[in-house]
Protein backbone atom coordinates (compact mmCIF):
# COMPACT_ATOMS: atom_id res chain seq x y z
CA MET A 1 15.88 -6.73 15.09
CA ASN A 2 16.75 -4.83 11.94
CA LEU A 3 13.88 -2.43 11.30
CA SER A 4 15.02 -1.80 7.74
CA THR A 5 14.31 -5.42 6.78
CA THR A 6 11.27 -6.03 8.98
CA LYS A 7 7.90 -5.85 7.27
CA PRO A 8 5.75 -3.35 9.17
CA ILE A 9 2.58 -4.52 10.87
CA LEU A 10 1.03 -1.04 10.47
CA SER A 11 1.65 1.60 7.80
CA LEU A 12 0.24 5.10 7.35
CA ARG A 13 0.65 6.72 3.96
CA ASN A 14 0.08 10.48 3.57
CA ILE A 15 -2.89 10.53 5.96
CA ARG A 16 -4.92 13.72 6.22
CA LYS A 17 -7.91 14.65 8.35
CA TYR A 18 -9.61 18.04 8.34
CA PHE A 19 -12.18 19.49 10.72
CA GLY A 20 -13.52 22.52 8.94
CA GLY A 21 -10.47 24.62 8.19
CA VAL A 22 -8.30 22.86 10.77
CA LYS A 23 -5.74 20.36 9.50
CA ALA A 24 -5.74 17.97 12.46
CA VAL A 25 -3.54 15.44 10.62
CA ASP A 26 -1.67 16.80 7.64
CA GLY A 27 0.12 14.30 5.40
CA VAL A 28 1.41 11.91 8.06
CA SER A 29 3.31 8.76 7.04
CA PHE A 30 5.05 6.23 9.26
CA ASP A 31 5.53 2.49 9.79
CA VAL A 32 5.20 0.44 12.97
CA ALA A 33 7.44 -2.61 13.21
CA PRO A 34 6.00 -5.78 14.79
CA HIS A 35 6.79 -6.88 18.34
CA ARG A 36 8.09 -3.48 19.38
CA ILE A 37 6.88 -0.54 21.44
CA THR A 38 6.65 2.54 19.24
CA GLY A 39 6.01 5.91 20.85
CA LEU A 40 3.90 8.72 19.40
CA ILE A 41 4.48 12.04 21.14
CA GLY A 42 3.91 15.73 20.65
CA PRO A 43 2.43 18.74 22.44
CA ASN A 44 -1.29 19.27 22.91
CA GLY A 45 -2.98 19.75 19.55
CA ALA A 46 -0.22 17.94 17.65
CA GLY A 47 -2.67 15.41 16.14
CA LYS A 48 -1.72 12.30 18.11
CA THR A 49 -5.20 11.35 19.30
CA THR A 50 -6.73 12.08 15.90
CA THR A 51 -4.12 9.78 14.37
CA PHE A 52 -5.15 7.03 16.79
CA ASN A 53 -8.79 7.65 15.86
CA LEU A 54 -7.93 7.27 12.17
CA ILE A 55 -5.97 4.05 12.69
CA SER A 56 -8.68 2.42 14.81
CA GLY A 57 -11.54 3.36 12.48
CA PHE A 58 -13.19 5.91 14.77
CA TYR A 59 -12.58 8.48 12.03
CA LYS A 60 -12.13 7.97 8.31
CA PRO A 61 -9.23 9.87 6.73
CA ASP A 62 -10.00 12.51 4.12
CA GLU A 63 -6.91 11.42 2.20
CA GLY A 64 -4.28 8.72 2.41
CA GLU A 65 -4.11 5.00 3.13
CA ILE A 66 -3.67 2.84 6.24
CA TYR A 67 -2.46 -0.76 6.05
CA PHE A 68 -2.61 -3.35 8.84
CA LYS A 69 -0.87 -6.69 8.28
CA GLY A 70 -0.74 -5.81 4.59
CA GLU A 71 -4.48 -5.14 4.29
CA ARG A 72 -5.90 -1.69 3.68
CA ILE A 73 -8.14 -0.74 6.63
CA ASP A 74 -8.81 3.00 6.30
CA GLY A 75 -12.36 2.30 5.11
CA LEU A 76 -13.21 0.04 8.05
CA GLN A 77 -15.21 0.95 11.12
CA LEU A 78 -14.13 0.69 14.74
CA HIS A 79 -15.61 -2.75 15.40
CA GLU A 80 -14.14 -4.11 12.16
CA THR A 81 -10.56 -3.11 12.98
CA PHE A 82 -11.06 -4.54 16.47
CA HIS A 83 -12.00 -7.96 15.10
CA LYS A 84 -8.96 -7.90 12.82
CA GLY A 85 -6.68 -7.71 15.86
CA LEU A 86 -6.15 -3.97 16.17
CA CYS A 87 -7.23 -2.89 19.62
CA ARG A 88 -7.31 0.59 21.09
CA THR A 89 -7.58 0.56 24.86
CA PHE A 90 -10.88 2.43 24.98
CA GLN A 91 -12.47 -0.23 22.73
CA ILE A 92 -12.48 -2.42 25.84
CA SER A 93 -14.99 -0.58 28.02
CA ARG A 94 -13.76 0.86 31.31
CA GLU A 95 -13.46 -1.43 34.29
CA LEU A 96 -16.64 -2.53 36.01
CA LYS A 97 -15.96 -1.16 39.47
CA LEU A 98 -18.36 -3.44 41.36
CA MET A 99 -16.99 -6.62 39.80
CA THR A 100 -13.76 -8.36 40.71
CA VAL A 101 -10.57 -8.01 38.73
CA LEU A 102 -10.93 -11.59 37.48
CA GLU A 103 -14.57 -11.09 36.46
CA ASN A 104 -13.58 -7.96 34.52
CA LEU A 105 -11.27 -10.05 32.36
CA MET A 106 -13.66 -12.94 31.83
CA LEU A 107 -16.32 -10.62 30.39
CA VAL A 108 -14.08 -9.36 27.56
CA PRO A 109 -13.98 -12.17 24.94
CA PRO A 110 -16.92 -11.79 22.52
CA GLY A 111 -19.24 -14.55 21.37
CA GLN A 112 -19.18 -16.64 24.55
CA ILE A 113 -21.54 -19.58 24.18
CA GLY A 114 -22.95 -19.02 27.67
CA GLU A 115 -24.46 -15.74 26.48
CA ASN A 116 -27.01 -17.80 24.55
CA LEU A 117 -29.79 -19.07 26.83
CA PHE A 118 -30.28 -22.07 24.53
CA ASN A 119 -26.73 -23.24 25.28
CA THR A 120 -27.16 -22.95 29.04
CA TRP A 121 -30.09 -25.39 28.76
CA PHE A 122 -28.92 -27.79 26.08
CA ASN A 123 -25.12 -27.49 26.13
CA PRO A 124 -24.19 -26.90 29.79
CA ASN A 125 -21.01 -28.97 29.50
CA GLY A 126 -19.81 -26.79 26.64
CA VAL A 127 -20.59 -23.65 28.62
CA ARG A 128 -18.69 -24.90 31.67
CA LYS A 129 -15.73 -26.00 29.54
CA GLN A 130 -15.44 -22.58 27.91
CA GLU A 131 -15.75 -20.85 31.28
CA ARG A 132 -12.87 -22.94 32.65
CA GLU A 133 -10.75 -22.08 29.63
CA LEU A 134 -11.53 -18.36 29.96
CA ARG A 135 -10.77 -18.44 33.67
CA ASP A 136 -7.43 -20.11 33.05
CA LYS A 137 -6.54 -17.54 30.38
CA ALA A 138 -7.65 -14.68 32.63
CA LEU A 139 -5.55 -15.95 35.53
CA LYS A 140 -2.52 -16.32 33.26
CA THR A 141 -3.05 -12.80 31.89
CA LEU A 142 -3.37 -11.35 35.40
CA GLU A 143 -0.15 -13.08 36.36
CA SER A 144 1.61 -11.60 33.32
CA VAL A 145 0.69 -8.03 34.36
CA GLY A 146 1.33 -8.60 38.07
CA LEU A 147 -2.28 -8.47 39.26
CA LEU A 148 -2.89 -12.11 40.12
CA HIS A 149 -2.82 -11.38 43.85
CA LEU A 150 -5.71 -8.93 43.32
CA LYS A 151 -7.93 -11.26 41.29
CA ASP A 152 -10.72 -11.20 43.91
CA GLU A 153 -10.48 -7.47 44.62
CA TYR A 154 -13.18 -5.14 43.32
CA ALA A 155 -11.84 -3.22 40.32
CA GLY A 156 -13.05 0.07 41.79
CA ASN A 157 -10.64 -0.35 44.71
CA LEU A 158 -7.50 -0.47 42.57
CA SER A 159 -4.94 2.33 42.47
CA GLY A 160 -4.42 4.40 39.33
CA GLY A 161 -1.46 2.30 38.22
CA GLN A 162 -3.25 -0.95 38.95
CA LYS A 163 -6.23 0.21 36.87
CA ARG A 164 -3.86 0.86 33.95
CA LEU A 165 -2.49 -2.66 34.32
CA LEU A 166 -6.06 -3.99 34.44
CA GLU A 167 -6.82 -2.05 31.25
CA LEU A 168 -3.81 -3.68 29.61
CA ALA A 169 -4.85 -7.13 30.84
CA ARG A 170 -8.41 -6.71 29.59
CA THR A 171 -7.08 -5.65 26.20
CA MET A 172 -4.89 -8.78 26.08
CA MET A 173 -7.99 -10.95 26.61
CA ALA A 174 -9.15 -9.77 23.17
CA LYS A 175 -6.04 -11.42 21.64
CA PRO A 176 -4.83 -8.34 19.75
CA ASP A 177 -1.94 -8.21 17.32
CA ILE A 178 -1.38 -4.54 18.08
CA ILE A 179 -2.47 -2.35 21.00
CA LEU A 180 -2.96 1.39 20.62
CA PHE A 181 -2.25 2.52 24.18
CA ASP A 182 -3.36 6.10 24.89
CA GLU A 183 -1.62 7.84 27.81
CA PRO A 184 -0.88 4.75 29.94
CA GLY A 185 1.03 6.83 32.47
CA ALA A 186 -1.69 9.43 33.06
CA GLY A 187 -2.52 9.78 36.75
CA VAL A 188 0.03 7.16 37.75
CA ASN A 189 2.68 7.80 40.39
CA PRO A 190 6.37 7.26 39.50
CA THR A 191 6.65 3.91 41.30
CA GLU A 192 3.61 2.47 39.55
CA ARG A 193 4.75 3.99 36.26
CA LYS A 194 7.97 1.97 36.52
CA ILE A 195 5.99 -1.20 37.17
CA LEU A 196 3.72 -0.42 34.21
CA ALA A 197 6.72 0.11 31.93
CA ASP A 198 8.22 -3.22 32.99
CA ARG A 199 4.94 -5.06 32.40
CA ILE A 200 4.45 -3.55 28.93
CA ARG A 201 7.97 -4.58 27.94
CA GLN A 202 7.47 -8.09 29.28
CA LEU A 203 4.16 -8.53 27.45
CA VAL A 204 5.70 -7.52 24.14
CA LYS A 205 8.51 -9.98 24.72
CA ASP A 206 6.38 -12.91 25.91
CA GLU A 207 3.16 -12.47 23.92
CA LYS A 208 4.73 -11.07 20.71
CA VAL A 209 2.21 -8.25 20.69
CA THR A 210 2.95 -4.83 19.15
CA VAL A 211 2.33 -1.57 21.01
CA LEU A 212 1.85 1.94 19.63
CA LEU A 213 1.81 4.28 22.61
CA ILE A 214 0.81 7.91 23.04
CA GLY A 215 2.47 9.46 26.05
CA HIS A 216 2.97 12.81 27.72
CA GLU A 217 5.10 11.34 30.51
CA MET A 218 8.43 11.59 28.77
CA GLU A 219 10.21 9.42 31.33
CA LEU A 220 7.88 6.52 30.51
CA VAL A 221 8.10 7.08 26.75
CA MET A 222 11.88 7.32 26.76
CA ASP A 223 12.09 4.22 28.94
CA VAL A 224 9.93 1.81 26.91
CA CYS A 225 9.63 3.15 23.35
CA ASN A 226 12.01 2.70 20.44
CA PRO A 227 11.50 4.24 17.96
CA ILE A 228 9.65 7.41 18.92
CA ILE A 229 7.62 9.42 16.39
CA VAL A 230 7.16 13.13 17.09
CA MET A 231 4.20 15.12 15.76
CA ASP A 232 3.53 18.86 15.76
CA HIS A 233 0.75 20.87 14.15
CA GLY A 234 -0.67 17.73 12.51
CA LYS A 235 2.59 16.80 10.82
CA LYS A 236 5.28 14.24 11.53
CA LEU A 237 8.21 16.27 12.84
CA MET A 238 10.78 13.48 13.13
CA GLU A 239 11.36 9.86 14.12
CA GLY A 240 14.27 8.28 15.92
CA THR A 241 15.66 6.55 18.94
CA PRO A 242 15.00 8.01 22.41
CA GLU A 243 18.49 9.54 22.35
CA GLU A 244 17.95 11.10 18.91
CA VAL A 245 14.56 12.48 19.90
CA GLY A 246 15.83 13.84 23.19
CA ASN A 247 18.69 15.67 21.51
CA ASP A 248 16.86 16.98 18.44
CA PRO A 249 16.63 20.80 18.59
CA ARG A 250 13.27 20.75 16.79
CA VAL A 251 11.78 18.59 19.53
CA LEU A 252 13.27 20.78 22.24
CA GLU A 253 11.79 23.84 20.54
CA VAL A 254 8.33 22.22 20.34
CA TYR A 255 8.31 21.25 24.01
CA LEU A 256 10.30 24.08 25.55
CA GLY A 257 9.92 26.93 23.09
CA GLY A 258 6.13 27.08 23.03
CA ALA A 259 5.80 26.21 19.34
CA SER A 260 2.44 24.54 20.00
CA LYS A 261 -0.16 25.32 22.63
């Protein structure tokens, strides 16, 4: 795919966000190409999470513009961006530990007709039909992330890596166009991290979803993301391929030279 000729699914233009005298995000601009995994990295305090909050509608930028699928969204609230197909992982509430993996997925889609008591009395066939459809979709989604064999397991019994895969699967049940994935490798051992990376890549390929990923685990980021955007002190430092990022002296200085704490 030629990024230079691909219309971006997400665009930030000169975004700024201040907290008192602190410039948390200071004039950041970048594009996210569709059907790719774009990384967003930087040391603690670089502004990555605030940028995610601005994109998703949790915060409103003080300056600048954000476009999603060609529509300006920087004035929208969290639930409004969610319904437009932009999903941050925390917008799907954390797993319900005392429910099964399958049940966790089936609860995600909003507006289920069975939630209305009137429908359970007067439209039971419609309720059952929708439940069958949701179950089929949930099973297919679990298969795509490699959790089908755990469909009847309680979510609270999953390992750290399996919970990350469940988080990804629950997000997919919301039918997003883009997923903002915050620290998917946190608390995950190397073996499970490799599985997670493979599943994310496969989902992007099969489901044509777009992923923007914050990561501190550089092995995971370098493995799955291209391009990678680097932030420091609220600014965009550089953007490039994993090889370009890994060899850029500015990035090495930020991570190894103590430029940001």
